[in-house]
Amino acid sequence: QVFACPGFFAMGFCLTHLFESGLLVLNGLSILNEKRFLRKYGLDKPSFGEGVKNQVATFLFALRTYMRLPIVGMNLLIILLEVVWG
């Protein structure tokens, strides 16, 4: 078992588990609907300027557009690793 956590960490903390949890967060952020959810909070369109709200809107826009294929690739990699090494 190449990717399994050794000994003491077998039930909790492992690098692959951190990667999987980060990927789950990215998946959740990438499927937020612009019209139904993000518009309520003003995060549907990125606007350039100061402030945390503008940075979050720009990040969500970039995540939905530029990171779509890399997220699909990472999901396929995790599925393959889970199938092969359990």
PDB file of N, CA and C in Angstrom:
ATOM      1  N   GLN A   1       0.834  -1.179   0.000  1.00  0.00           N
ATOM      2  CA  GLN A   1       0.000   0.000   0.000  1.00  0.00           C
ATOM      3  C   GLN A   1       0.876   1.238   0.000  1.00  0.00           C
ATOM      4  N   VAL A   2       1.038   1.810  -1.146  1.00  0.00           N
ATOM      5  CA  VAL A   2       1.930   2.934  -1.317  1.00  0.00           C
ATOM      6  C   VAL A   2       1.354   4.210  -0.714  1.00  0.00           C
ATOM      7  N   PHE A   3       0.068   4.463  -0.882  1.00  0.00           N
ATOM      8  CA  PHE A   3      -0.527   5.716  -0.456  1.00  0.00           C
ATOM      9  C   PHE A   3      -1.220   5.623   0.886  1.00  0.00           C
ATOM     10  N   ALA A   4      -1.142   4.494   1.562  1.00  0.00           N
ATOM     11  CA  ALA A   4      -1.792   4.350   2.865  1.00  0.00           C
ATOM     12  C   ALA A   4      -0.976   5.067   3.927  1.00  0.00           C
ATOM     13  N   CYS A   5      -1.654   5.513   4.957  1.00  0.00           N
ATOM     14  CA  CYS A   5      -0.974   6.191   6.057  1.00  0.00           C
ATOM     15  C   CYS A   5      -0.383   5.145   6.986  1.00  0.00           C
ATOM     16  N   PRO A   6       0.860   5.300   7.411  1.00  0.00           N
ATOM     17  CA  PRO A   6       1.492   4.291   8.260  1.00  0.00           C
ATOM     18  C   PRO A   6       1.085   4.414   9.717  1.00  0.00           C
ATOM     19  N   GLY A   7       1.037   3.287  10.394  1.00  0.00           N
ATOM     20  CA  GLY A   7       0.911   3.170  11.840  1.00  0.00           C
ATOM     21  C   GLY A   7      -0.079   4.064  12.539  1.00  0.00           C
ATOM     22  N   PHE A   8       0.439   5.000  13.328  1.00  0.00           N
ATOM     23  CA  PHE A   8      -0.354   5.842  14.199  1.00  0.00           C
ATOM     24  C   PHE A   8      -1.357   6.696  13.428  1.00  0.00           C
ATOM     25  N   PHE A   9      -1.002   7.120  12.235  1.00  0.00           N
ATOM     26  CA  PHE A   9      -1.853   8.021  11.468  1.00  0.00           C
ATOM     27  C   PHE A   9      -2.850   7.289  10.576  1.00  0.00           C
ATOM     28  N   ALA A  10      -3.045   6.016  10.753  1.00  0.00           N
ATOM     29  CA  ALA A  10      -3.858   5.223   9.849  1.00  0.00           C
ATOM     30  C   ALA A  10      -5.319   5.665   9.821  1.00  0.00           C
ATOM     31  N   MET A  11      -5.821   6.274  10.889  1.00  0.00           N
ATOM     32  CA  MET A  11      -7.232   6.630  10.900  1.00  0.00           C
ATOM     33  C   MET A  11      -7.484   8.111  10.679  1.00  0.00           C
ATOM     34  N   GLY A  12      -6.474   8.924  10.602  1.00  0.00           N
ATOM     35  CA  GLY A  12      -6.781  10.335  10.549  1.00  0.00           C
ATOM     36  C   GLY A  12      -5.982  11.144   9.572  1.00  0.00           C
ATOM     37  N   PHE A  13      -4.865  11.611   9.992  1.00  0.00           N
ATOM     38  CA  PHE A  13      -4.128  12.645   9.297  1.00  0.00           C
ATOM     39  C   PHE A  13      -3.142  12.047   8.307  1.00  0.00           C
ATOM     40  N   CYS A  14      -3.274  12.419   7.041  1.00  0.00           N
ATOM     41  CA  CYS A  14      -2.386  11.916   6.006  1.00  0.00           C
ATOM     42  C   CYS A  14      -2.364  12.927   4.858  1.00  0.00           C
ATOM     43  N   LEU A  15      -1.314  12.930   4.086  1.00  0.00           N
ATOM     44  CA  LEU A  15      -1.189  13.882   2.991  1.00  0.00           C
ATOM     45  C   LEU A  15      -2.273  13.660   1.932  1.00  0.00           C
ATOM     46  N   THR A  16      -2.599  12.415   1.651  1.00  0.00           N
ATOM     47  CA  THR A  16      -3.647  12.155   0.668  1.00  0.00           C
ATOM     48  C   THR A  16      -5.007  12.620   1.178  1.00  0.00           C
ATOM     49  N   HIS A  17      -5.254  12.500   2.478  1.00  0.00           N
ATOM     50  CA  HIS A  17      -6.522  12.978   3.028  1.00  0.00           C
ATOM     51  C   HIS A  17      -6.606  14.501   2.951  1.00  0.00           C
ATOM     52  N   LEU A  18      -5.491  15.189   3.173  1.00  0.00           N
ATOM     53  CA  LEU A  18      -5.480  16.644   3.012  1.00  0.00           C
ATOM     54  C   LEU A  18      -5.750  17.040   1.564  1.00  0.00           C
ATOM     55  N   PHE A  19      -5.162  16.322   0.620  1.00  0.00           N
ATOM     56  CA  PHE A  19      -5.399  16.589  -0.795  1.00  0.00           C
ATOM     57  C   PHE A  19      -6.858  16.346  -1.155  1.00  0.00           C
ATOM     58  N   GLU A  20      -7.428  15.253  -0.666  1.00  0.00           N
ATOM     59  CA  GLU A  20      -8.829  14.937  -0.945  1.00  0.00           C
ATOM     60  C   GLU A  20      -9.768  15.980  -0.346  1.00  0.00           C
ATOM     61  N   SER A  21      -9.492  16.427   0.865  1.00  0.00           N
ATOM     62  CA  SER A  21     -10.374  17.419   1.483  1.00  0.00           C
ATOM     63  C   SER A  21     -10.270  18.761   0.754  1.00  0.00           C
ATOM     64  N   GLY A  22      -9.085  19.146   0.330  1.00  0.00           N
ATOM     65  CA  GLY A  22      -8.942  20.363  -0.461  1.00  0.00           C
ATOM     66  C   GLY A  22      -9.658  20.265  -1.791  1.00  0.00           C
ATOM     67  N   LEU A  23      -9.601  19.094  -2.396  1.00  0.00           N
ATOM     68  CA  LEU A  23     -10.296  18.875  -3.656  1.00  0.00           C
ATOM     69  C   LEU A  23     -11.807  18.924  -3.465  1.00  0.00           C
ATOM     70  N   LEU A  24     -12.305  18.404  -2.366  1.00  0.00           N
ATOM     71  CA  LEU A  24     -13.745  18.492  -2.082  1.00  0.00           C
ATOM     72  C   LEU A  24     -14.188  19.939  -1.914  1.00  0.00           C
ATOM     73  N   VAL A  25     -13.371  20.757  -1.271  1.00  0.00           N
ATOM     74  CA  VAL A  25     -13.700  22.177  -1.119  1.00  0.00           C
ATOM     75  C   VAL A  25     -13.709  22.868  -2.482  1.00  0.00           C
ATOM     76  N   LEU A  26     -12.710  22.574  -3.325  1.00  0.00           N
ATOM     77  CA  LEU A  26     -12.682  23.150  -4.670  1.00  0.00           C
ATOM     78  C   LEU A  26     -13.881  22.705  -5.493  1.00  0.00           C
ATOM     79  N   ASN A  27     -14.282  21.444  -5.368  1.00  0.00           N
ATOM     80  CA  ASN A  27     -15.471  20.962  -6.066  1.00  0.00           C
ATOM     81  C   ASN A  27     -16.714  21.719  -5.605  1.00  0.00           C
ATOM     82  N   GLY A  28     -16.826  21.915  -4.311  1.00  0.00           N
ATOM     83  CA  GLY A  28     -17.987  22.631  -3.785  1.00  0.00           C
ATOM     84  C   GLY A  28     -18.036  24.074  -4.244  1.00  0.00           C
ATOM     85  N   LEU A  29     -16.883  24.736  -4.288  1.00  0.00           N
ATOM     86  CA  LEU A  29     -16.849  26.124  -4.743  1.00  0.00           C
ATOM     87  C   LEU A  29     -17.100  26.250  -6.239  1.00  0.00           C
ATOM     88  N   SER A  30     -16.683  25.251  -6.996  1.00  0.00           N
ATOM     89  CA  SER A  30     -16.805  25.354  -8.449  1.00  0.00           C
ATOM     90  C   SER A  30     -18.222  25.109  -8.953  1.00  0.00           C
ATOM     91  N   ILE A  31     -19.090  24.514  -8.144  1.00  0.00           N
ATOM     92  CA  ILE A  31     -20.442  24.242  -8.623  1.00  0.00           C
ATOM     93  C   ILE A  31     -21.471  25.241  -8.116  1.00  0.00           C
ATOM     94  N   LEU A  32     -21.019  26.304  -7.435  1.00  0.00           N
ATOM     95  CA  LEU A  32     -21.965  27.317  -6.973  1.00  0.00           C
ATOM     96  C   LEU A  32     -22.598  28.009  -8.175  1.00  0.00           C
ATOM     97  N   ASN A  33     -23.903  28.129  -8.149  1.00  0.00           N
ATOM     98  CA  ASN A  33     -24.644  28.700  -9.257  1.00  0.00           C
ATOM     99  C   ASN A  33     -24.599  30.225  -9.196  1.00  0.00           C
ATOM    100  N   GLU A  34     -24.258  30.843 -10.332  1.00  0.00           N
ATOM    101  CA  GLU A  34     -24.152  32.299 -10.367  1.00  0.00           C
ATOM    102  C   GLU A  34     -25.498  32.981 -10.197  1.00  0.00           C
ATOM    103  N   LYS A  35     -26.511  32.487 -10.869  1.00  0.00           N
ATOM    104  CA  LYS A  35     -27.808  33.172 -10.863  1.00  0.00           C
ATOM    105  C   LYS A  35     -28.580  32.959  -9.574  1.00  0.00           C
ATOM    106  N   ARG A  36     -28.546  31.764  -9.041  1.00  0.00           N
ATOM    107  CA  ARG A  36     -29.383  31.473  -7.877  1.00  0.00           C
ATOM    108  C   ARG A  36     -28.715  31.745  -6.549  1.00  0.00           C
ATOM    109  N   PHE A  37     -27.409  31.540  -6.448  1.00  0.00           N
ATOM    110  CA  PHE A  37     -26.750  31.652  -5.146  1.00  0.00           C
ATOM    111  C   PHE A  37     -25.829  32.852  -5.047  1.00  0.00           C
ATOM    112  N   LEU A  38     -24.947  33.004  -5.997  1.00  0.00           N
ATOM    113  CA  LEU A  38     -23.917  34.034  -5.886  1.00  0.00           C
ATOM    114  C   LEU A  38     -24.460  35.447  -6.086  1.00  0.00           C
ATOM    115  N   ARG A  39     -25.528  35.598  -6.856  1.00  0.00           N
ATOM    116  CA  ARG A  39     -26.088  36.925  -7.098  1.00  0.00           C
ATOM    117  C   ARG A  39     -26.642  37.546  -5.815  1.00  0.00           C
ATOM    118  N   LYS A  40     -27.158  36.713  -4.909  1.00  0.00           N
ATOM    119  CA  LYS A  40     -27.690  37.222  -3.642  1.00  0.00           C
ATOM    120  C   LYS A  40     -26.630  37.959  -2.838  1.00  0.00           C
ATOM    121  N   TYR A  41     -25.392  37.507  -2.946  1.00  0.00           N
ATOM    122  CA  TYR A  41     -24.307  38.078  -2.160  1.00  0.00           C
ATOM    123  C   TYR A  41     -23.405  39.010  -2.970  1.00  0.00           C
ATOM    124  N   GLY A  42     -23.760  39.240  -4.223  1.00  0.00           N
ATOM    125  CA  GLY A  42     -22.971  40.126  -5.069  1.00  0.00           C
ATOM    126  C   GLY A  42     -21.669  39.522  -5.546  1.00  0.00           C
ATOM    127  N   LEU A  43     -21.606  38.199  -5.618  1.00  0.00           N
ATOM    128  CA  LEU A  43     -20.380  37.516  -6.031  1.00  0.00           C
ATOM    129  C   LEU A  43     -20.497  36.907  -7.426  1.00  0.00           C
ATOM    130  N   ASP A  44     -21.525  37.289  -8.182  1.00  0.00           N
ATOM    131  CA  ASP A  44     -21.758  36.648  -9.470  1.00  0.00           C
ATOM    132  C   ASP A  44     -20.821  37.133 -10.569  1.00  0.00           C
ATOM    133  N   LYS A  45     -20.374  38.379 -10.485  1.00  0.00           N
ATOM    134  CA  LYS A  45     -19.469  38.910 -11.511  1.00  0.00           C
ATOM    135  C   LYS A  45     -18.221  39.480 -10.846  1.00  0.00           C
ATOM    136  N   PRO A  46     -17.066  39.137 -11.377  1.00  0.00           N
ATOM    137  CA  PRO A  46     -15.848  39.701 -10.788  1.00  0.00           C
ATOM    138  C   PRO A  46     -15.709  41.168 -11.160  1.00  0.00           C
ATOM    139  N   SER A  47     -15.354  41.964 -10.184  1.00  0.00           N
ATOM    140  CA  SER A  47     -15.088  43.372 -10.438  1.00  0.00           C
ATOM    141  C   SER A  47     -13.705  43.683  -9.873  1.00  0.00           C
ATOM    142  N   PHE A  48     -13.001  44.504 -10.569  1.00  0.00           N
ATOM    143  CA  PHE A  48     -11.637  44.802 -10.169  1.00  0.00           C
ATOM    144  C   PHE A  48     -11.638  45.966  -9.203  1.00  0.00           C
ATOM    145  N   GLY A  49     -10.986  45.782  -8.083  1.00  0.00           N
ATOM    146  CA  GLY A  49     -10.919  46.821  -7.086  1.00  0.00           C
ATOM    147  C   GLY A  49     -10.467  46.254  -5.759  1.00  0.00           C
ATOM    148  N   GLU A  50     -10.537  47.090  -4.761  1.00  0.00           N
ATOM    149  CA  GLU A  50     -10.123  46.708  -3.418  1.00  0.00           C
ATOM    150  C   GLU A  50     -11.237  45.941  -2.720  1.00  0.00           C
ATOM    151  N   GLY A  51     -10.865  45.223  -1.695  1.00  0.00           N
ATOM    152  CA  GLY A  51     -11.845  44.572  -0.849  1.00  0.00           C
ATOM    153  C   GLY A  51     -11.858  43.067  -0.995  1.00  0.00           C
ATOM    154  N   VAL A  52     -12.265  42.452   0.078  1.00  0.00           N
ATOM    155  CA  VAL A  52     -12.312  40.989   0.133  1.00  0.00           C
ATOM    156  C   VAL A  52     -13.401  40.452  -0.775  1.00  0.00           C
ATOM    157  N   LYS A  53     -14.527  41.135  -0.844  1.00  0.00           N
ATOM    158  CA  LYS A  53     -15.652  40.672  -1.663  1.00  0.00           C
ATOM    159  C   LYS A  53     -15.269  40.595  -3.141  1.00  0.00           C
ATOM    160  N   ASN A  54     -14.550  41.575  -3.630  1.00  0.00           N
ATOM    161  CA  ASN A  54     -14.098  41.555  -5.022  1.00  0.00           C
ATOM    162  C   ASN A  54     -13.084  40.449  -5.259  1.00  0.00           C
ATOM    163  N   GLN A  55     -12.209  40.212  -4.295  1.00  0.00           N
ATOM    164  CA  GLN A  55     -11.224  39.147  -4.445  1.00  0.00           C
ATOM    165  C   GLN A  55     -11.894  37.771  -4.449  1.00  0.00           C
ATOM    166  N   VAL A  56     -12.902  37.587  -3.600  1.00  0.00           N
ATOM    167  CA  VAL A  56     -13.628  36.309  -3.571  1.00  0.00           C
ATOM    168  C   VAL A  56     -14.378  36.107  -4.881  1.00  0.00           C
ATOM    169  N   ALA A  57     -15.018  37.154  -5.395  1.00  0.00           N
ATOM    170  CA  ALA A  57     -15.741  37.044  -6.659  1.00  0.00           C
ATOM    171  C   ALA A  57     -14.796  36.708  -7.800  1.00  0.00           C
ATOM    172  N   THR A  58     -13.629  37.325  -7.833  1.00  0.00           N
ATOM    173  CA  THR A  58     -12.649  37.037  -8.873  1.00  0.00           C
ATOM    174  C   THR A  58     -12.111  35.617  -8.748  1.00  0.00           C
ATOM    175  N   PHE A  59     -11.874  35.170  -7.516  1.00  0.00           N
ATOM    176  CA  PHE A  59     -11.398  33.804  -7.297  1.00  0.00           C
ATOM    177  C   PHE A  59     -12.440  32.781  -7.756  1.00  0.00           C
ATOM    178  N   LEU A  60     -13.710  33.002  -7.420  1.00  0.00           N
ATOM    179  CA  LEU A  60     -14.757  32.066  -7.828  1.00  0.00           C
ATOM    180  C   LEU A  60     -14.912  32.043  -9.341  1.00  0.00           C
ATOM    181  N   PHE A  61     -14.812  33.197  -9.982  1.00  0.00           N
ATOM    182  CA  PHE A  61     -14.891  33.249 -11.440  1.00  0.00           C
ATOM    183  C   PHE A  61     -13.725  32.486 -12.075  1.00  0.00           C
ATOM    184  N   ALA A  62     -12.525  32.698 -11.572  1.00  0.00           N
ATOM    185  CA  ALA A  62     -11.352  32.003 -12.107  1.00  0.00           C
ATOM    186  C   ALA A  62     -11.444  30.505 -11.855  1.00  0.00           C
ATOM    187  N   LEU A  63     -11.973  30.131 -10.710  1.00  0.00           N
ATOM    188  CA  LEU A  63     -12.122  28.716 -10.387  1.00  0.00           C
ATOM    189  C   LEU A  63     -13.096  28.038 -11.338  1.00  0.00           C
ATOM    190  N   ARG A  64     -14.194  28.718 -11.655  1.00  0.00           N
ATOM    191  CA  ARG A  64     -15.194  28.125 -12.550  1.00  0.00           C
ATOM    192  C   ARG A  64     -14.732  28.089 -13.997  1.00  0.00           C
ATOM    193  N   THR A  65     -13.886  29.015 -14.400  1.00  0.00           N
ATOM    194  CA  THR A  65     -13.507  29.057 -15.809  1.00  0.00           C
ATOM    195  C   THR A  65     -12.173  28.367 -16.086  1.00  0.00           C
ATOM    196  N   TYR A  66     -11.115  28.763 -15.384  1.00  0.00           N
ATOM    197  CA  TYR A  66      -9.780  28.267 -15.708  1.00  0.00           C
ATOM    198  C   TYR A  66      -9.437  26.940 -15.039  1.00  0.00           C
ATOM    199  N   MET A  67     -10.034  26.652 -13.909  1.00  0.00           N
ATOM    200  CA  MET A  67      -9.667  25.443 -13.167  1.00  0.00           C
ATOM    201  C   MET A  67     -10.604  24.264 -13.424  1.00  0.00           C
ATOM    202  N   ARG A  68     -11.493  24.378 -14.384  1.00  0.00           N
ATOM    203  CA  ARG A  68     -12.454  23.307 -14.640  1.00  0.00           C
ATOM    204  C   ARG A  68     -11.771  22.002 -15.034  1.00  0.00           C
ATOM    205  N   LEU A  69     -10.919  22.048 -16.037  1.00  0.00           N
ATOM    206  CA  LEU A  69     -10.239  20.826 -16.485  1.00  0.00           C
ATOM    207  C   LEU A  69      -9.235  20.287 -15.468  1.00  0.00           C
ATOM    208  N   PRO A  70      -8.428  21.128 -14.799  1.00  0.00           N
ATOM    209  CA  PRO A  70      -7.552  20.570 -13.765  1.00  0.00           C
ATOM    210  C   PRO A  70      -8.312  19.917 -12.612  1.00  0.00           C
ATOM    211  N   ILE A  71      -9.468  20.458 -12.244  1.00  0.00           N
ATOM    212  CA  ILE A  71     -10.257  19.835 -11.176  1.00  0.00           C
ATOM    213  C   ILE A  71     -10.790  18.482 -11.627  1.00  0.00           C
ATOM    214  N   VAL A  72     -11.227  18.387 -12.875  1.00  0.00           N
ATOM    215  CA  VAL A  72     -11.678  17.096 -13.404  1.00  0.00           C
ATOM    216  C   VAL A  72     -10.529  16.098 -13.392  1.00  0.00           C
ATOM    217  N   GLY A  73      -9.339  16.535 -13.796  1.00  0.00           N
ATOM    218  CA  GLY A  73      -8.174  15.652 -13.781  1.00  0.00           C
ATOM    219  C   GLY A  73      -7.808  15.191 -12.382  1.00  0.00           C
ATOM    220  N   MET A  74      -7.873  16.113 -11.403  1.00  0.00           N
ATOM    221  CA  MET A  74      -7.570  15.730 -10.021  1.00  0.00           C
ATOM    222  C   MET A  74      -8.618  14.762  -9.476  1.00  0.00           C
ATOM    223  N   ASN A  75      -9.889  14.978  -9.832  1.00  0.00           N
ATOM    224  CA  ASN A  75     -10.929  14.040  -9.412  1.00  0.00           C
ATOM    225  C   ASN A  75     -10.686  12.647  -9.982  1.00  0.00           C
ATOM    226  N   LEU A  76     -10.321  12.591 -11.261  1.00  0.00           N
ATOM    227  CA  LEU A  76     -10.034  11.288 -11.873  1.00  0.00           C
ATOM    228  C   LEU A  76      -8.827  10.622 -11.220  1.00  0.00           C
ATOM    229  N   LEU A  77      -7.814  11.401 -10.873  1.00  0.00           N
ATOM    230  CA  LEU A  77      -6.648  10.850 -10.202  1.00  0.00           C
ATOM    231  C   LEU A  77      -7.018  10.263  -8.840  1.00  0.00           C
ATOM    232  N   ILE A  78      -7.807  10.973  -8.061  1.00  0.00           N
ATOM    233  CA  ILE A  78      -8.229  10.482  -6.743  1.00  0.00           C
ATOM    234  C   ILE A  78      -9.080   9.232  -6.883  1.00  0.00           C
ATOM    235  N   ILE A  79      -9.990   9.225  -7.858  1.00  0.00           N
ATOM    236  CA  ILE A  79     -10.816   8.027  -8.065  1.00  0.00           C
ATOM    237  C   ILE A  79      -9.946   6.835  -8.442  1.00  0.00           C
ATOM    238  N   LEU A  80      -8.980   7.048  -9.319  1.00  0.00           N
ATOM    239  CA  LEU A  80      -8.077   5.967  -9.722  1.00  0.00           C
ATOM    240  C   LEU A  80      -7.260   5.453  -8.545  1.00  0.00           C
ATOM    241  N   LEU A  81      -6.741   6.378  -7.723  1.00  0.00           N
ATOM    242  CA  LEU A  81      -5.964   5.953  -6.548  1.00  0.00           C
ATOM    243  C   LEU A  81      -6.826   5.186  -5.552  1.00  0.00           C
ATOM    244  N   GLU A  82      -8.053   5.621  -5.362  1.00  0.00           N
ATOM    245  CA  GLU A  82      -8.935   4.920  -4.423  1.00  0.00           C
ATOM    246  C   GLU A  82      -9.328   3.537  -4.934  1.00  0.00           C
ATOM    247  N   VAL A  83      -9.511   3.411  -6.241  1.00  0.00           N
ATOM    248  CA  VAL A  83      -9.863   2.113  -6.807  1.00  0.00           C
ATOM    249  C   VAL A  83      -8.690   1.149  -6.728  1.00  0.00           C
ATOM    250  N   VAL A  84      -7.491   1.641  -7.027  1.00  0.00           N
ATOM    251  CA  VAL A  84      -6.317   0.771  -7.072  1.00  0.00           C
ATOM    252  C   VAL A  84      -5.825   0.422  -5.665  1.00  0.00           C
ATOM    253  N   TRP A  85      -5.674   1.428  -4.793  1.00  0.00           N
ATOM    254  CA  TRP A  85      -5.084   1.184  -3.489  1.00  0.00           C
ATOM    255  C   TRP A  85      -6.085   1.202  -2.327  1.00  0.00           C
ATOM    256  N   GLY A  86      -7.325   1.429  -2.625  1.00  0.00           N
ATOM    257  CA  GLY A  86      -8.365   1.354  -1.591  1.00  0.00           C
ATOM    258  C   GLY A  86      -8.253   2.441  -0.624  1.00  0.00           C
TER     259      GLY A  86
END
